[in-house]
Amino acid sequence: MTTPLPYRPPGDPVPDPLTPDLYGPVQQPLSGAVELAADRGPVVYVPGAHGGFVAVRREDLPTIHTPAPAPVPVSAGVDPQAQRVAAKGVFAAGAGVGAYFAAGAAAIVVDSLVKVLLAGGVAAGAALATGRRKGGDTYITHHHVANRWFGRSTTTIRNR
């Protein structure tokens, strides 16, 4: 079975597989001295001159002893970062307590407003229910019933 050729647009020249590619990578021969990993020791990869990495034996690297960094002096006082964190905590607690009291005050105001509206509604309902309207006539009716002997009764009705 043969492998398919890569896609080439129409009109491009077909390369000859027998002529070598002058601009492609050159195949290196697979012969030379064999070096065992146990013979050479540990290897460190360092940046090379042309952007790649080069394997160098560890014993071939220069040894440079850098002095230990000087300890940072401890400031005599409270750490500024700790002060900022504590200030944020105190601010958050104060904001929470303030929001709690503001919500309580808003609840009192809303409750008072509801009570005033209910009282006004009850007063308006009572005024409508009693039938007191301006300009209407008011009648007072008196019924007087007088009973006499032998089942005789008289009734008097007066409107004022």
N, C-alpha and C. Protein backbone atom coordinates (compact mmCIF):
# COMPACT_ATOMS: atom_id res chain seq x y z
N MET A 1 0.85 -1.18 0.00
CA MET A 1 0.00 0.00 0.00
C MET A 1 0.89 1.24 0.00
N THR A 2 0.55 2.22 -0.77
CA THR A 2 1.35 3.44 -0.87
C THR A 2 0.71 4.52 -0.04
N THR A 3 1.53 5.44 0.43
CA THR A 3 1.02 6.58 1.20
C THR A 3 0.57 7.66 0.24
N PRO A 4 -0.51 8.35 0.57
CA PRO A 4 -0.99 9.39 -0.35
C PRO A 4 -0.06 10.59 -0.35
N LEU A 5 -0.03 11.28 -1.48
CA LEU A 5 0.78 12.49 -1.59
C LEU A 5 0.08 13.65 -0.90
N PRO A 6 0.85 14.61 -0.38
CA PRO A 6 0.21 15.78 0.24
C PRO A 6 -0.50 16.62 -0.81
N TYR A 7 -1.48 17.42 -0.35
CA TYR A 7 -2.27 18.26 -1.26
C TYR A 7 -1.40 19.34 -1.88
N ARG A 8 -1.53 19.48 -3.19
CA ARG A 8 -0.85 20.56 -3.89
C ARG A 8 -1.88 21.25 -4.77
N PRO A 9 -1.96 22.57 -4.69
CA PRO A 9 -2.93 23.27 -5.54
C PRO A 9 -2.60 23.06 -7.02
N PRO A 10 -3.61 23.15 -7.88
CA PRO A 10 -3.35 22.97 -9.33
C PRO A 10 -2.44 24.09 -9.83
N GLY A 11 -1.52 23.74 -10.67
CA GLY A 11 -0.61 24.73 -11.24
C GLY A 11 0.73 24.75 -10.54
N ASP A 12 0.85 24.18 -9.32
CA ASP A 12 2.14 24.12 -8.65
C ASP A 12 2.96 23.00 -9.27
N PRO A 13 4.25 23.20 -9.39
CA PRO A 13 5.06 22.11 -9.97
C PRO A 13 5.16 20.96 -8.99
N VAL A 14 5.18 19.75 -9.50
CA VAL A 14 5.31 18.55 -8.67
C VAL A 14 6.79 18.30 -8.43
N PRO A 15 7.21 18.21 -7.17
CA PRO A 15 8.66 18.01 -6.94
C PRO A 15 9.07 16.60 -7.34
N ASP A 16 10.29 16.51 -7.79
CA ASP A 16 10.82 15.21 -8.18
C ASP A 16 11.34 14.51 -6.92
N PRO A 17 10.81 13.32 -6.56
CA PRO A 17 11.26 12.68 -5.33
C PRO A 17 12.68 12.17 -5.39
N LEU A 18 13.31 12.14 -6.56
CA LEU A 18 14.66 11.62 -6.68
C LEU A 18 15.73 12.68 -6.43
N THR A 19 15.38 13.96 -6.59
CA THR A 19 16.36 15.02 -6.35
C THR A 19 16.27 15.45 -4.90
N PRO A 20 17.38 15.68 -4.23
CA PRO A 20 17.36 16.06 -2.82
C PRO A 20 16.87 17.50 -2.64
N ASP A 21 16.28 17.75 -1.51
CA ASP A 21 15.82 19.11 -1.17
C ASP A 21 17.00 19.86 -0.59
N LEU A 22 17.42 20.94 -1.26
CA LEU A 22 18.61 21.67 -0.81
C LEU A 22 18.34 22.51 0.42
N TYR A 23 17.08 22.87 0.68
CA TYR A 23 16.77 23.75 1.79
C TYR A 23 16.20 23.01 3.01
N GLY A 24 16.04 21.71 2.93
CA GLY A 24 15.49 20.93 4.03
C GLY A 24 16.58 20.51 5.00
N PRO A 25 16.20 19.84 6.09
CA PRO A 25 17.21 19.40 7.06
C PRO A 25 18.05 18.26 6.48
N VAL A 26 19.30 18.27 6.87
CA VAL A 26 20.23 17.26 6.37
C VAL A 26 20.23 16.09 7.35
N GLN A 27 20.14 14.89 6.84
CA GLN A 27 20.15 13.69 7.69
C GLN A 27 21.57 13.43 8.14
N GLN A 28 21.74 13.23 9.47
CA GLN A 28 23.05 12.95 10.04
C GLN A 28 23.27 11.43 10.03
N PRO A 29 24.47 11.03 9.87
CA PRO A 29 24.73 9.59 9.90
C PRO A 29 24.55 9.04 11.31
N LEU A 30 24.12 7.80 11.40
CA LEU A 30 23.87 7.18 12.69
C LEU A 30 25.08 6.38 13.16
N SER A 31 26.24 6.89 12.93
CA SER A 31 27.44 6.22 13.39
C SER A 31 28.27 7.19 14.20
N GLY A 32 29.20 6.73 14.97
CA GLY A 32 30.05 7.57 15.78
C GLY A 32 30.35 6.87 17.08
N ALA A 33 30.99 7.62 17.98
CA ALA A 33 31.39 7.03 19.26
C ALA A 33 30.16 6.88 20.14
N VAL A 34 30.07 5.76 20.85
CA VAL A 34 28.98 5.50 21.77
C VAL A 34 29.43 5.88 23.16
N GLU A 35 28.58 6.69 23.84
CA GLU A 35 28.92 7.12 25.20
C GLU A 35 27.79 6.69 26.11
N LEU A 36 28.13 5.99 27.15
CA LEU A 36 27.14 5.51 28.08
C LEU A 36 26.81 6.59 29.09
N ALA A 37 25.56 6.60 29.58
CA ALA A 37 25.16 7.61 30.55
C ALA A 37 25.89 7.43 31.86
N ALA A 38 26.22 6.22 32.22
CA ALA A 38 26.94 5.99 33.47
C ALA A 38 28.37 6.50 33.39
N ASP A 39 28.96 6.55 32.18
CA ASP A 39 30.34 7.02 32.03
C ASP A 39 30.46 8.53 32.11
N ARG A 40 29.44 9.24 31.68
CA ARG A 40 29.59 10.69 31.60
C ARG A 40 29.09 11.43 32.84
N GLY A 41 28.25 10.86 33.66
CA GLY A 41 27.76 11.53 34.87
C GLY A 41 26.53 12.36 34.57
N PRO A 42 26.09 13.14 35.57
CA PRO A 42 24.87 13.93 35.37
C PRO A 42 25.09 15.05 34.35
N VAL A 43 24.05 15.32 33.58
CA VAL A 43 24.11 16.32 32.51
C VAL A 43 23.13 17.43 32.83
N VAL A 44 23.57 18.67 32.54
CA VAL A 44 22.72 19.85 32.72
C VAL A 44 22.57 20.50 31.35
N TYR A 45 21.33 20.90 31.01
CA TYR A 45 21.08 21.56 29.73
C TYR A 45 21.11 23.07 29.95
N VAL A 46 22.00 23.75 29.21
CA VAL A 46 22.14 25.21 29.31
C VAL A 46 21.80 25.82 27.97
N PRO A 47 21.34 27.10 27.95
CA PRO A 47 21.02 27.75 26.67
C PRO A 47 22.26 27.86 25.79
N GLY A 48 22.09 27.53 24.52
CA GLY A 48 23.19 27.59 23.58
C GLY A 48 23.23 28.93 22.86
N ALA A 49 24.18 29.04 21.92
CA ALA A 49 24.40 30.30 21.21
C ALA A 49 23.31 30.58 20.18
N HIS A 50 22.69 29.55 19.63
CA HIS A 50 21.71 29.76 18.54
C HIS A 50 20.28 29.52 18.99
N GLY A 51 19.98 29.68 20.28
CA GLY A 51 18.62 29.56 20.77
C GLY A 51 18.24 28.18 21.26
N GLY A 52 19.04 27.16 21.02
CA GLY A 52 18.73 25.82 21.49
C GLY A 52 19.38 25.56 22.84
N PHE A 53 19.28 24.34 23.32
CA PHE A 53 19.89 23.97 24.58
C PHE A 53 21.01 22.97 24.30
N VAL A 54 22.10 23.08 25.08
CA VAL A 54 23.27 22.24 24.91
C VAL A 54 23.46 21.44 26.18
N ALA A 55 23.77 20.14 26.06
CA ALA A 55 24.03 19.29 27.22
C ALA A 55 25.47 19.49 27.68
N VAL A 56 25.65 19.79 28.96
CA VAL A 56 26.98 20.01 29.54
C VAL A 56 27.06 19.15 30.80
N ARG A 57 28.21 18.46 30.98
CA ARG A 57 28.36 17.68 32.20
C ARG A 57 28.43 18.62 33.39
N ARG A 58 27.89 18.17 34.47
CA ARG A 58 27.82 19.02 35.66
C ARG A 58 29.21 19.36 36.20
N GLU A 59 30.13 18.46 36.12
CA GLU A 59 31.47 18.76 36.66
C GLU A 59 32.23 19.75 35.79
N ASP A 60 31.77 19.97 34.54
CA ASP A 60 32.42 20.94 33.66
C ASP A 60 31.92 22.36 33.87
N LEU A 61 30.85 22.54 34.60
CA LEU A 61 30.34 23.89 34.84
C LEU A 61 31.20 24.60 35.87
N PRO A 62 31.34 25.93 35.72
CA PRO A 62 32.12 26.67 36.74
C PRO A 62 31.35 26.73 38.06
N THR A 63 32.12 26.62 39.13
CA THR A 63 31.49 26.68 40.45
C THR A 63 31.65 28.09 40.99
N ILE A 64 30.51 28.73 41.24
CA ILE A 64 30.52 30.08 41.78
C ILE A 64 29.76 30.03 43.09
N HIS A 65 30.41 30.40 44.14
CA HIS A 65 29.76 30.43 45.44
C HIS A 65 29.18 31.82 45.66
N THR A 66 27.85 31.90 45.74
CA THR A 66 27.20 33.19 46.01
C THR A 66 27.00 33.30 47.52
N PRO A 67 27.26 34.46 48.05
CA PRO A 67 27.06 34.61 49.50
C PRO A 67 25.57 34.55 49.83
N ALA A 68 25.26 34.11 51.02
CA ALA A 68 23.87 34.03 51.46
C ALA A 68 23.30 35.44 51.56
N PRO A 69 22.05 35.62 51.18
CA PRO A 69 21.49 36.98 51.26
C PRO A 69 21.42 37.44 52.71
N ALA A 70 21.65 38.73 52.87
CA ALA A 70 21.61 39.31 54.22
C ALA A 70 20.18 39.27 54.73
N PRO A 71 20.01 38.97 56.00
CA PRO A 71 18.64 38.94 56.54
C PRO A 71 18.01 40.32 56.53
N VAL A 72 16.72 40.35 56.29
CA VAL A 72 15.98 41.60 56.24
C VAL A 72 15.80 42.10 57.67
N PRO A 73 16.15 43.36 57.92
CA PRO A 73 15.99 43.86 59.29
C PRO A 73 14.51 43.94 59.67
N VAL A 74 14.22 43.56 60.89
CA VAL A 74 12.86 43.59 61.39
C VAL A 74 12.56 45.01 61.88
N SER A 75 11.47 45.56 61.38
CA SER A 75 11.11 46.93 61.77
C SER A 75 10.56 46.92 63.19
N ALA A 76 10.85 47.98 63.90
CA ALA A 76 10.37 48.10 65.28
C ALA A 76 8.99 48.74 65.23
N GLY A 77 7.95 47.94 65.18
CA GLY A 77 6.60 48.45 65.11
C GLY A 77 5.69 47.40 64.51
N VAL A 78 4.48 47.81 64.24
CA VAL A 78 3.51 46.89 63.69
C VAL A 78 3.70 46.83 62.17
N ASP A 79 3.53 45.66 61.64
CA ASP A 79 3.66 45.46 60.20
C ASP A 79 2.59 46.26 59.47
N PRO A 80 2.97 47.06 58.46
CA PRO A 80 1.97 47.86 57.74
C PRO A 80 0.92 46.99 57.03
N GLN A 81 1.34 45.83 56.53
CA GLN A 81 0.37 44.94 55.88
C GLN A 81 -0.66 44.45 56.89
N ALA A 82 -0.21 44.12 58.10
CA ALA A 82 -1.14 43.69 59.14
C ALA A 82 -2.08 44.83 59.52
N GLN A 83 -1.57 46.06 59.54
CA GLN A 83 -2.43 47.21 59.84
C GLN A 83 -3.51 47.36 58.78
N ARG A 84 -3.15 47.18 57.50
CA ARG A 84 -4.14 47.32 56.44
C ARG A 84 -5.21 46.23 56.53
N VAL A 85 -4.78 45.01 56.82
CA VAL A 85 -5.75 43.91 56.93
C VAL A 85 -6.69 44.16 58.11
N ALA A 86 -6.14 44.61 59.24
CA ALA A 86 -6.98 44.90 60.40
C ALA A 86 -7.94 46.05 60.12
N ALA A 87 -7.48 47.06 59.40
CA ALA A 87 -8.34 48.20 59.08
C ALA A 87 -9.49 47.77 58.17
N LYS A 88 -9.20 46.86 57.22
CA LYS A 88 -10.28 46.36 56.35
C LYS A 88 -11.31 45.58 57.16
N GLY A 89 -10.84 44.81 58.13
CA GLY A 89 -11.77 44.06 58.97
C GLY A 89 -12.64 44.96 59.81
N VAL A 90 -12.03 46.00 60.39
CA VAL A 90 -12.80 46.94 61.21
C VAL A 90 -13.81 47.69 60.34
N PHE A 91 -13.41 48.09 59.15
CA PHE A 91 -14.33 48.77 58.25
C PHE A 91 -15.50 47.87 57.87
N ALA A 92 -15.21 46.59 57.57
CA ALA A 92 -16.28 45.66 57.21
C ALA A 92 -17.25 45.47 58.37
N ALA A 93 -16.72 45.37 59.58
CA ALA A 93 -17.60 45.21 60.75
C ALA A 93 -18.45 46.46 60.94
N GLY A 94 -17.85 47.64 60.82
CA GLY A 94 -18.60 48.88 60.96
C GLY A 94 -19.67 49.03 59.89
N ALA A 95 -19.34 48.64 58.67
CA ALA A 95 -20.34 48.73 57.60
C ALA A 95 -21.49 47.77 57.86
N GLY A 96 -21.19 46.59 58.39
CA GLY A 96 -22.25 45.63 58.69
C GLY A 96 -23.16 46.12 59.80
N VAL A 97 -22.59 46.69 60.86
CA VAL A 97 -23.40 47.21 61.96
C VAL A 97 -24.23 48.40 61.48
N GLY A 98 -23.63 49.26 60.66
CA GLY A 98 -24.36 50.40 60.12
C GLY A 98 -25.53 49.96 59.25
N ALA A 99 -25.31 48.94 58.43
CA ALA A 99 -26.40 48.43 57.59
C ALA A 99 -27.51 47.82 58.45
N TYR A 100 -27.14 47.18 59.57
CA TYR A 100 -28.14 46.61 60.48
C TYR A 100 -29.01 47.70 61.07
N PHE A 101 -28.38 48.78 61.57
CA PHE A 101 -29.16 49.87 62.17
C PHE A 101 -29.99 50.60 61.12
N ALA A 102 -29.46 50.76 59.90
CA ALA A 102 -30.22 51.42 58.84
C ALA A 102 -31.45 50.58 58.46
N ALA A 103 -31.30 49.27 58.42
CA ALA A 103 -32.44 48.41 58.11
C ALA A 103 -33.48 48.48 59.22
N GLY A 104 -33.03 48.55 60.49
CA GLY A 104 -33.98 48.69 61.60
C GLY A 104 -34.75 50.00 61.52
N ALA A 105 -34.06 51.10 61.21
CA ALA A 105 -34.72 52.40 61.09
C ALA A 105 -35.71 52.39 59.91
N ALA A 106 -35.32 51.77 58.80
CA ALA A 106 -36.23 51.70 57.66
C ALA A 106 -37.47 50.87 58.00
N ALA A 107 -37.30 49.82 58.79
CA ALA A 107 -38.45 49.02 59.20
C ALA A 107 -39.40 49.81 60.08
N ILE A 108 -38.85 50.65 60.97
CA ILE A 108 -39.70 51.49 61.83
C ILE A 108 -40.48 52.50 60.99
N VAL A 109 -39.82 53.11 60.02
CA VAL A 109 -40.48 54.12 59.18
C VAL A 109 -41.60 53.46 58.36
N VAL A 110 -41.31 52.31 57.78
CA VAL A 110 -42.32 51.63 56.97
C VAL A 110 -43.50 51.19 57.85
N ASP A 111 -43.20 50.69 59.06
CA ASP A 111 -44.26 50.26 59.97
C ASP A 111 -45.15 51.44 60.36
N SER A 112 -44.52 52.60 60.65
CA SER A 112 -45.31 53.78 61.02
C SER A 112 -46.17 54.24 59.84
N LEU A 113 -45.62 54.21 58.65
CA LEU A 113 -46.38 54.63 57.47
C LEU A 113 -47.58 53.69 57.24
N VAL A 114 -47.38 52.41 57.43
CA VAL A 114 -48.48 51.46 57.26
C VAL A 114 -49.56 51.71 58.30
N LYS A 115 -49.16 51.99 59.54
CA LYS A 115 -50.15 52.25 60.60
C LYS A 115 -50.96 53.52 60.30
N VAL A 116 -50.30 54.56 59.81
CA VAL A 116 -51.01 55.81 59.47
C VAL A 116 -51.99 55.55 58.34
N LEU A 117 -51.57 54.81 57.32
CA LEU A 117 -52.48 54.53 56.21
C LEU A 117 -53.66 53.66 56.66
N LEU A 118 -53.42 52.70 57.54
CA LEU A 118 -54.52 51.89 58.06
C LEU A 118 -55.50 52.72 58.88
N ALA A 119 -54.96 53.62 59.72
CA ALA A 119 -55.83 54.47 60.53
C ALA A 119 -56.68 55.38 59.64
N GLY A 120 -56.07 55.93 58.60
CA GLY A 120 -56.84 56.77 57.67
C GLY A 120 -57.90 55.97 56.94
N GLY A 121 -57.58 54.74 56.55
CA GLY A 121 -58.56 53.89 55.89
C GLY A 121 -59.71 53.52 56.80
N VAL A 122 -59.42 53.23 58.07
CA VAL A 122 -60.49 52.91 59.02
C VAL A 122 -61.38 54.12 59.25
N ALA A 123 -60.78 55.31 59.37
CA ALA A 123 -61.57 56.53 59.57
C ALA A 123 -62.47 56.80 58.35
N ALA A 124 -61.93 56.62 57.16
CA ALA A 124 -62.74 56.85 55.96
C ALA A 124 -63.85 55.81 55.86
N GLY A 125 -63.56 54.57 56.21
CA GLY A 125 -64.58 53.53 56.18
C GLY A 125 -65.67 53.78 57.20
N ALA A 126 -65.29 54.26 58.39
CA ALA A 126 -66.30 54.55 59.41
C ALA A 126 -67.18 55.71 58.98
N ALA A 127 -66.61 56.72 58.35
CA ALA A 127 -67.39 57.86 57.90
C ALA A 127 -68.38 57.43 56.81
N LEU A 128 -67.96 56.55 55.93
CA LEU A 128 -68.86 56.08 54.88
C LEU A 128 -69.93 55.14 55.43
N ALA A 129 -69.55 54.34 56.43
CA ALA A 129 -70.49 53.37 56.96
C ALA A 129 -71.61 54.01 57.78
N THR A 130 -71.34 55.09 58.49
CA THR A 130 -72.36 55.73 59.31
C THR A 130 -73.33 56.54 58.46
N GLY A 131 -72.99 56.84 57.25
CA GLY A 131 -73.90 57.55 56.37
C GLY A 131 -73.91 59.04 56.61
N ARG A 132 -72.97 59.56 57.30
CA ARG A 132 -72.94 61.01 57.53
C ARG A 132 -72.35 61.68 56.30
N ARG A 133 -73.23 62.37 55.61
CA ARG A 133 -72.80 63.13 54.45
C ARG A 133 -73.35 64.53 54.56
N LYS A 134 -72.66 65.49 54.14
CA LYS A 134 -73.13 66.88 54.26
C LYS A 134 -74.26 67.13 53.28
N GLY A 135 -75.19 67.93 53.71
CA GLY A 135 -76.29 68.33 52.85
C GLY A 135 -77.46 67.36 52.88
N GLY A 136 -77.41 66.27 53.63
CA GLY A 136 -78.51 65.32 53.66
C GLY A 136 -79.49 65.67 54.79
N ASP A 137 -80.73 65.11 54.76
CA ASP A 137 -81.74 65.34 55.80
C ASP A 137 -81.58 64.31 56.90
N THR A 138 -81.81 64.75 58.13
CA THR A 138 -81.76 63.87 59.27
C THR A 138 -83.13 63.84 59.91
N TYR A 139 -83.68 62.65 60.15
CA TYR A 139 -85.01 62.50 60.76
C TYR A 139 -84.86 61.78 62.08
N ILE A 140 -85.56 62.24 63.06
CA ILE A 140 -85.66 61.55 64.34
C ILE A 140 -87.10 61.12 64.49
N THR A 141 -87.32 59.84 64.59
CA THR A 141 -88.68 59.30 64.66
C THR A 141 -88.93 58.78 66.07
N HIS A 142 -90.09 59.21 66.71
CA HIS A 142 -90.49 58.71 68.02
C HIS A 142 -91.74 57.88 67.87
N HIS A 143 -91.68 56.67 68.39
CA HIS A 143 -92.86 55.79 68.43
C HIS A 143 -93.32 55.74 69.88
N HIS A 144 -94.55 56.10 70.08
CA HIS A 144 -95.12 56.01 71.44
C HIS A 144 -96.34 55.11 71.40
N VAL A 145 -96.27 54.03 72.19
CA VAL A 145 -97.39 53.09 72.23
C VAL A 145 -97.96 53.13 73.65
N ALA A 146 -99.25 53.35 73.75
CA ALA A 146 -99.94 53.38 75.06
C ALA A 146 -100.96 52.27 75.11
N ASN A 147 -100.80 51.37 76.08
CA ASN A 147 -101.75 50.27 76.26
C ASN A 147 -102.74 50.63 77.35
N ARG A 148 -104.02 50.36 77.13
CA ARG A 148 -105.07 50.66 78.11
C ARG A 148 -105.75 49.39 78.54
N TRP A 149 -106.78 49.57 79.35
CA TRP A 149 -107.53 48.41 79.82
C TRP A 149 -108.29 47.76 78.72
N PHE A 150 -108.52 46.54 78.85
CA PHE A 150 -109.31 45.72 77.95
C PHE A 150 -108.72 45.66 76.53
N GLY A 151 -107.36 45.67 76.38
CA GLY A 151 -106.68 45.49 75.10
C GLY A 151 -106.69 46.67 74.18
N ARG A 152 -106.98 47.84 74.74
CA ARG A 152 -107.02 49.03 73.93
C ARG A 152 -105.63 49.66 73.88
N SER A 153 -105.02 49.92 72.63
CA SER A 153 -103.70 50.51 72.49
C SER A 153 -103.77 51.68 71.52
N THR A 154 -102.94 52.68 71.79
CA THR A 154 -102.80 53.80 70.87
C THR A 154 -101.32 53.98 70.54
N THR A 155 -100.99 54.30 69.28
CA THR A 155 -99.62 54.48 68.83
C THR A 155 -99.50 55.88 68.26
N THR A 156 -98.43 56.59 68.65
CA THR A 156 -98.19 57.93 68.14
C THR A 156 -96.79 57.93 67.51
N ILE A 157 -96.66 58.42 66.26
CA ILE A 157 -95.37 58.50 65.56
C ILE A 157 -95.12 59.94 65.23
N ARG A 158 -93.96 60.47 65.64
CA ARG A 158 -93.62 61.87 65.36
C ARG A 158 -92.24 61.94 64.74
N ASN A 159 -92.11 62.70 63.68
CA ASN A 159 -90.78 62.95 63.05
C ASN A 159 -90.38 64.36 63.35
N ARG A 160 -89.23 64.56 63.76
CA ARG A 160 -88.72 65.92 64.04
C ARG A 160 -87.64 66.30 63.07
